[in-house]
Every structure is written in structure tokens, then in C-alpha cells.
Amino acid sequence: MRLLAADIDRDRLALRTNRLLDRLDHVIPRGAARGAVWHLTGRTQLEMVLYGGAQYAVEQGHGVARDLERCEDFGEVADADVSQVGFRATERGLNQVGSLGSGNHFLEFRRSRRRQYRPGHPPHRPRRYPHPDHPRHHLVESPGETGPEVPQSGLPAVGEVLEPFTFAYGVAGCIRGSHHAPLMPVSSDDARPSRFDGPPRVVALGFQFHDSKLIGPRELFADPAFDRAREQANETMDNFRRHGPFEPHRLPLEDLEYTTMTVLRERLAGRWTPMTTELATAGTRG
């Protein structure tokens, strides 16, 4: 994840926000076959990317050393076997190195707020903007307030903020972020998904200001009132896993982050035959 900041006044930007979002939507490559910001010289350099991983990207000026500390295995797979990458996958990948990706990869466009606290004075409560009132793009999220949710005092109460999490909604996650799975509310001690890298977890930490001191955190989802949501999540996860590596458990091909599914589909392309109506309905007639 990378944060870019710009010293731009909110009021001056307000009239140009939509144009800016449209421009970002146009110039930032993402998804399948949408280009990239790193144009490789050919297959040889792509092999160096596959072998060297993020370390090679940093050496070529596409990142800094501290980025590697935030990458799993420092962005490199020690036993990578480039020979297993097919020719067609290589040709396609040459023009996609350095893109935003697809699936649950995203870019947010937000405004920050400087907050100054004085001893003996409670912090100013930030205004909250309902997201439905802002224009949205599938790539760029519309402006909103950064920081924690601030309930009470004319805003929704803590219980109202937490109530939506009493149901295990389906989200994209699990292995490689490529599967639908239920969102499970848990305490931070239980936020260690291991079953198929899931189910996806959400944690809520509560804090309170008193006498200019920050008190907390309190584990809001440690409440047994959320036990039923956790049971739903486990039951739903069982049902999803029984589907095997297929939809609706697996995301559609166009939404997968990184997978061999597309390569396999292309490799087997010559073996597919159209299914006629007669064949599709065979066995359904009395």
C-alpha cells in the first residue's frame, strides 16, 4: 500500500473533483489487459521480474527498500520456477507489470483533516458524510473523512454502528482474495484466519476521550451477542467450500487477482465444443 499526499485546498478542489476522478480512472491501468506503468523490454526482463520479484522492481527504480519490509517473504518466492509459465501467459503478462490489478485491489481518493487538541478540551468531532451522496467510480472511491468512526452526540450510537455486523455478509477474500466468503466479526485475538485464509475477519476497537486522555481499546466484537454472527460465518463457509473451485464460491474469472485459471482456459481452448440446446436439455425431458 502506498500513500500519496497533496497540499490542495478542499474548497478549490471541490469544483474539479469529478474531473479528477475521471482522469484517474482513465490513466491508471488495472484489471486484465489494461496496460501497465512499467514497460518491459521483452521476455528476458519478465523472467528477471519473476525470479527477482519485488527486489528486482526496487533495483529498477519502481519502489524503495522499505517497501520490501511490507511484502510477504520480502516480495520474492525462493523456489520460483519460471519454466512453468507458458508462452501465452508470458505474452499477456509483458504488458501488465505495474498495474493496479483487479478483484479487491483499489485506489482511494480522500481528504485528510488536521486535528489539534488542547489540554482540558475534548477533541472536535469530525463531520461525517454519507457515502451515497458522493459520486462513485469502480476504481476510485469518492472523498470522505479519514480516521475512526465517531458515534453518539447526534450521530448513530455505538450499538447502531455495530448492528450491521450481526450478519455474516459475503465478501471477496480467502485464498488469493479470489473467493466469496462470509465476513466474521471477531476480537483482535481471533483475527488470525487460517482456514483457506479465511473466513475474512473484521475487528472493532472502541476508544473514549476523557480529561484529554485516550482510554481503551475495548474489544467491541468480543461481546457474546456476536456469537450468532460467528456461527453463521462458519456455517456459510462450510457451504461455500462444498462448491469446490467453482462459482459462486470462486470469484468470476474477470475478478480474480492472480490465478492459473485463465492460463488453463487458454491451454484447453482447442478442446471446447459448443453445447447445443438439445444436449443441454438432454435428460430433463420426461
Protein backbone atom coordinates (compact mmCIF):
# COMPACT_ATOMS: atom_id res chain seq x y z
CA MET A 1 0.00 0.00 0.00
CA ARG A 2 1.31 3.45 -0.85
CA LEU A 3 0.02 6.83 0.40
CA LEU A 4 0.42 9.92 -1.76
CA ALA A 5 -0.41 13.32 -0.25
CA ALA A 6 -1.01 16.64 -1.99
CA ASP A 7 -1.28 20.07 -0.36
CA ILE A 8 -4.50 21.11 -2.10
CA ASP A 9 -7.26 23.16 -0.51
CA ARG A 10 -10.54 21.27 -0.34
CA ASP A 11 -12.70 24.19 -1.49
CA ARG A 12 -10.52 24.83 -4.52
CA LEU A 13 -10.67 21.18 -5.48
CA ALA A 14 -14.43 20.77 -4.94
CA LEU A 15 -15.44 22.00 -8.40
CA ARG A 16 -12.86 19.76 -10.07
CA THR A 17 -13.31 16.57 -8.05
CA ASN A 18 -15.35 14.69 -10.63
CA ARG A 19 -12.97 15.65 -13.43
CA LEU A 20 -10.03 14.49 -11.33
CA LEU A 21 -11.69 11.14 -10.60
CA ASP A 22 -12.50 10.66 -14.26
CA ARG A 23 -8.90 11.42 -15.19
CA LEU A 24 -7.52 8.95 -12.63
CA ASP A 25 -9.99 6.36 -13.88
CA HIS A 26 -8.63 6.88 -17.40
CA VAL A 27 -4.87 6.88 -16.76
CA ILE A 28 -4.44 4.24 -14.02
CA PRO A 29 -4.11 0.74 -15.55
CA ARG A 30 -5.97 -2.06 -13.79
CA GLY A 31 -7.75 -5.32 -14.49
CA ALA A 32 -6.91 -7.72 -17.30
CA ALA A 33 -5.18 -6.44 -20.45
CA ARG A 34 -5.33 -2.79 -19.41
CA GLY A 35 -1.64 -1.90 -19.70
CA ALA A 36 0.87 -1.01 -17.01
CA VAL A 37 3.22 1.73 -15.81
CA TRP A 38 6.31 -0.46 -16.23
CA HIS A 39 7.04 -1.30 -19.86
CA LEU A 40 9.34 -4.33 -20.06
CA THR A 41 11.83 -4.83 -22.87
CA GLY A 42 10.85 -8.45 -23.51
CA ARG A 43 10.58 -11.97 -22.12
CA THR A 44 14.11 -11.87 -20.69
CA GLN A 45 13.28 -8.95 -18.44
CA LEU A 46 9.96 -10.52 -17.47
CA GLU A 47 11.88 -13.61 -16.33
CA MET A 48 14.04 -11.34 -14.19
CA VAL A 49 10.86 -9.94 -12.66
CA LEU A 50 9.55 -13.45 -11.97
CA TYR A 51 12.82 -14.57 -10.43
CA GLY A 52 13.70 -11.38 -8.55
CA GLY A 53 10.20 -10.31 -7.55
CA ALA A 54 9.82 -7.02 -5.71
CA GLN A 55 13.58 -6.86 -5.09
CA TYR A 56 14.19 -6.55 -8.82
CA ALA A 57 11.45 -3.92 -9.11
CA VAL A 58 13.15 -1.83 -6.41
CA GLU A 59 16.52 -2.20 -8.16
CA GLN A 60 14.92 -0.83 -11.33
CA GLY A 61 13.57 2.22 -9.53
CA HIS A 62 9.98 1.02 -9.07
CA GLY A 63 9.90 1.31 -5.30
CA VAL A 64 12.20 1.84 -2.33
CA ALA A 65 13.94 -0.58 0.01
CA ARG A 66 11.46 -0.14 2.87
CA ASP A 67 8.67 -1.36 0.57
CA LEU A 68 10.20 -4.83 0.75
CA GLU A 69 9.73 -4.93 4.52
CA ARG A 70 5.98 -4.70 3.97
CA CYS A 71 5.86 -7.51 1.41
CA GLU A 72 5.24 -11.15 2.25
CA ASP A 73 8.59 -13.00 2.03
CA PHE A 74 10.07 -9.62 1.03
CA GLY A 75 8.29 -9.90 -2.31
CA GLU A 76 10.26 -12.91 -3.57
CA VAL A 77 9.45 -16.62 -3.98
CA ALA A 78 12.67 -18.52 -3.37
CA ASP A 79 11.76 -21.64 -5.37
CA ALA A 80 10.08 -19.89 -8.30
CA ASP A 81 10.24 -21.97 -11.50
CA VAL A 82 9.85 -19.61 -14.45
CA SER A 83 9.83 -22.56 -16.86
CA GLN A 84 6.29 -23.34 -15.68
CA VAL A 85 4.99 -20.05 -17.09
CA GLY A 86 3.54 -20.69 -20.55
CA PHE A 87 4.26 -18.68 -23.67
CA ARG A 88 0.78 -17.15 -23.92
CA ALA A 89 0.80 -16.17 -20.25
CA THR A 90 4.18 -14.52 -20.78
CA GLU A 91 2.98 -12.58 -23.80
CA ARG A 92 -0.02 -11.35 -21.87
CA GLY A 93 2.00 -10.50 -18.78
CA LEU A 94 4.55 -8.40 -20.64
CA ASN A 95 2.07 -5.54 -20.83
CA GLN A 96 0.59 -5.85 -17.35
CA VAL A 97 3.54 -5.48 -14.98
CA GLY A 98 2.93 -2.50 -12.74
CA SER A 99 -0.86 -2.27 -12.96
CA LEU A 100 -3.30 -1.80 -10.10
CA GLY A 101 -4.65 -5.32 -10.61
CA SER A 102 -8.25 -6.45 -10.25
CA GLY A 103 -10.54 -8.13 -7.76
CA ASN A 104 -10.32 -6.34 -4.40
CA HIS A 105 -7.43 -4.09 -5.44
CA PHE A 106 -8.47 -0.47 -5.35
CA LEU A 107 -7.34 3.13 -5.08
CA GLU A 108 -8.94 5.60 -2.69
CA PHE A 109 -9.17 9.35 -3.14
CA ARG A 110 -9.82 11.00 0.22
CA ARG A 111 -9.24 14.22 2.09
CA SER A 112 -7.45 14.35 5.43
CA ARG A 113 -8.18 16.57 8.37
CA ARG A 114 -5.66 18.06 10.78
CA ARG A 115 -6.94 17.84 14.35
CA GLN A 116 -5.40 19.90 17.13
CA TYR A 117 -6.21 19.11 20.77
CA ARG A 118 -5.65 21.43 23.72
CA PRO A 119 -5.26 20.22 27.30
CA GLY A 120 -8.59 20.25 29.08
CA HIS A 121 -10.61 20.47 25.85
CA PRO A 122 -12.30 17.49 24.20
CA PRO A 123 -11.36 16.84 20.59
CA HIS A 124 -13.53 18.33 17.88
CA ARG A 125 -15.89 15.78 16.42
CA PRO A 126 -15.33 15.46 12.69
CA ARG A 127 -18.26 15.74 10.34
CA ARG A 128 -19.37 12.51 8.74
CA TYR A 129 -20.51 12.37 5.16
CA PRO A 130 -22.90 9.67 3.96
CA HIS A 131 -21.23 7.87 1.07
CA PRO A 132 -24.43 7.62 -1.07
CA ASP A 133 -24.30 11.41 -1.53
CA HIS A 134 -20.94 11.26 -3.29
CA PRO A 135 -20.22 10.22 -6.87
CA ARG A 136 -18.57 6.80 -7.03
CA HIS A 137 -16.29 5.14 -9.55
CA HIS A 138 -15.47 1.44 -9.72
CA LEU A 139 -11.78 2.34 -9.46
CA VAL A 140 -11.61 5.45 -7.27
CA GLU A 141 -13.56 5.84 -4.06
CA SER A 142 -15.16 9.23 -3.51
CA PRO A 143 -13.95 11.76 -0.91
CA GLY A 144 -14.81 11.11 2.71
CA GLU A 145 -13.46 11.57 6.22
CA THR A 146 -10.39 9.61 7.23
CA GLY A 147 -9.92 8.28 10.72
CA PRO A 148 -12.16 6.34 13.12
CA GLU A 149 -15.94 6.38 13.24
CA VAL A 150 -17.22 8.85 15.86
CA PRO A 151 -20.62 7.81 17.27
CA GLN A 152 -23.07 9.50 19.69
CA SER A 153 -23.81 13.25 20.01
CA GLY A 154 -26.34 13.43 17.19
CA LEU A 155 -24.68 10.62 15.26
CA PRO A 156 -25.53 6.90 15.32
CA ALA A 157 -24.89 5.24 18.67
CA VAL A 158 -22.18 2.61 19.13
CA GLY A 159 -24.74 -0.17 19.04
CA GLU A 160 -26.21 1.17 15.80
CA VAL A 161 -22.76 1.31 14.18
CA LEU A 162 -22.08 -2.31 15.16
CA GLU A 163 -25.51 -3.74 14.35
CA PRO A 164 -24.78 -4.45 10.62
CA PHE A 165 -22.05 -6.89 11.71
CA THR A 166 -24.57 -9.22 13.36
CA PHE A 167 -24.99 -10.77 9.91
CA ALA A 168 -22.19 -12.60 8.09
CA TYR A 169 -22.23 -10.79 4.76
CA GLY A 170 -20.43 -12.34 1.80
CA VAL A 171 -17.28 -10.54 0.65
CA ALA A 172 -14.31 -11.27 -1.61
CA GLY A 173 -11.42 -12.81 0.29
CA CYS A 174 -9.78 -16.08 1.39
CA ILE A 175 -7.01 -17.66 -0.68
CA ARG A 176 -5.51 -15.05 -3.02
CA GLY A 177 -8.57 -12.87 -2.40
CA SER A 178 -10.26 -14.96 -5.09
CA HIS A 179 -13.27 -16.43 -3.30
CA HIS A 180 -16.55 -15.32 -1.81
CA ALA A 181 -16.64 -15.89 1.92
CA PRO A 182 -18.59 -14.63 4.97
CA LEU A 183 -17.27 -11.68 6.98
CA MET A 184 -16.77 -12.73 10.60
CA PRO A 185 -16.75 -10.15 13.46
CA VAL A 186 -14.08 -11.13 15.99
CA SER A 187 -11.81 -9.76 18.69
CA SER A 188 -8.23 -8.96 17.72
CA ASP A 189 -7.08 -12.18 19.44
CA ASP A 190 -9.13 -14.19 16.94
CA ALA A 191 -8.17 -12.15 13.87
CA ARG A 192 -5.86 -14.89 12.59
CA PRO A 193 -7.66 -16.61 9.71
CA SER A 194 -6.16 -19.96 8.76
CA ARG A 195 -8.92 -22.00 7.13
CA PHE A 196 -8.38 -21.37 3.42
CA ASP A 197 -7.03 -17.99 4.61
CA GLY A 198 -10.46 -17.24 5.97
CA PRO A 199 -13.17 -16.58 6.76
CA PRO A 200 -12.33 -12.88 6.38
CA ARG A 201 -12.33 -11.11 9.75
CA VAL A 202 -13.37 -7.66 10.92
CA VAL A 203 -12.28 -6.14 14.25
CA ALA A 204 -13.82 -3.20 16.13
CA LEU A 205 -11.81 -1.36 18.78
CA GLY A 206 -13.55 1.22 20.97
CA PHE A 207 -11.81 4.25 22.49
CA GLN A 208 -13.00 7.14 24.64
CA PHE A 209 -11.55 10.56 25.34
CA HIS A 210 -11.66 11.72 28.96
CA ASP A 211 -9.67 14.57 30.50
CA SER A 212 -7.59 14.81 27.32
CA LYS A 213 -6.66 11.13 27.65
CA LEU A 214 -7.40 8.35 25.20
CA ILE A 215 -8.91 5.40 27.08
CA GLY A 216 -9.06 1.96 25.51
CA PRO A 217 -9.11 -0.04 23.44
CA ARG A 218 -12.19 -2.10 24.18
CA GLU A 219 -12.83 -5.18 22.06
CA LEU A 220 -16.36 -4.43 20.83
CA PHE A 221 -16.81 -7.70 18.93
CA ALA A 222 -15.76 -9.76 21.98
CA ASP A 223 -19.39 -9.40 23.05
CA PRO A 224 -21.15 -12.83 23.03
CA ALA A 225 -24.02 -11.06 21.25
CA PHE A 226 -21.96 -11.55 18.07
CA ASP A 227 -21.62 -15.33 18.65
CA ARG A 228 -24.54 -15.98 16.32
CA ALA A 229 -22.86 -14.00 13.53
CA ARG A 230 -19.73 -16.09 14.01
CA GLU A 231 -21.79 -19.28 13.85
CA GLN A 232 -23.40 -18.02 10.64
CA ALA A 233 -19.97 -17.29 9.20
CA ASN A 234 -18.69 -20.80 9.97
CA GLU A 235 -21.82 -22.45 8.55
CA THR A 236 -21.72 -20.28 5.43
CA MET A 237 -18.03 -21.05 5.00
CA ASP A 238 -18.84 -24.78 5.09
CA ASN A 239 -21.44 -24.31 2.36
CA PHE A 240 -19.10 -22.26 0.19
CA ARG A 241 -16.25 -24.74 0.50
CA ARG A 242 -18.52 -27.60 -0.62
CA HIS A 243 -18.86 -25.90 -4.01
CA GLY A 244 -15.24 -26.71 -4.76
CA PRO A 245 -13.12 -24.46 -7.00
CA PHE A 246 -16.15 -23.12 -8.84
CA GLU A 247 -18.57 -20.23 -8.70
CA PRO A 248 -20.34 -19.00 -6.63
CA HIS A 249 -17.52 -19.72 -4.13
CA ARG A 250 -14.79 -18.69 -6.57
CA LEU A 251 -14.99 -15.18 -8.00
CA PRO A 252 -15.70 -14.76 -11.74
CA LEU A 253 -12.58 -15.09 -13.89
CA GLU A 254 -12.50 -11.37 -14.66
CA ASP A 255 -12.34 -10.53 -10.93
CA LEU A 256 -9.52 -12.89 -9.93
CA GLU A 257 -6.39 -11.17 -8.61
CA TYR A 258 -3.82 -13.70 -9.74
CA THR A 259 -4.56 -17.25 -10.78
CA THR A 260 -3.73 -20.02 -13.22
CA MET A 261 -7.39 -20.33 -14.23
CA THR A 262 -7.00 -18.03 -17.23
CA VAL A 263 -3.88 -19.90 -18.37
CA LEU A 264 -5.68 -23.24 -18.10
CA ARG A 265 -8.67 -21.92 -20.00
CA GLU A 266 -6.44 -20.76 -22.86
CA ARG A 267 -4.47 -24.02 -22.84
CA LEU A 268 -7.70 -26.02 -23.21
CA ALA A 269 -9.33 -23.62 -25.68
CA GLY A 270 -9.00 -26.05 -28.59
CA ARG A 271 -10.85 -28.79 -26.72
CA TRP A 272 -14.04 -26.86 -26.02
CA THR A 273 -17.10 -27.55 -28.16
CA PRO A 274 -20.35 -25.55 -28.27
CA MET A 275 -23.20 -27.03 -26.26
CA THR A 276 -26.38 -27.29 -28.30
CA THR A 277 -29.83 -26.81 -26.85
CA GLU A 278 -30.59 -30.48 -27.37
CA LEU A 279 -27.50 -31.55 -25.44
CA ALA A 280 -28.09 -29.03 -22.67
CA THR A 281 -31.65 -30.21 -22.12
CA ALA A 282 -30.95 -33.93 -22.50
CA GLY A 283 -32.19 -35.89 -19.53
CA THR A 284 -34.57 -33.14 -18.41
CA ARG A 285 -37.45 -34.36 -20.52
CA GLY A 286 -39.87 -36.97 -19.34
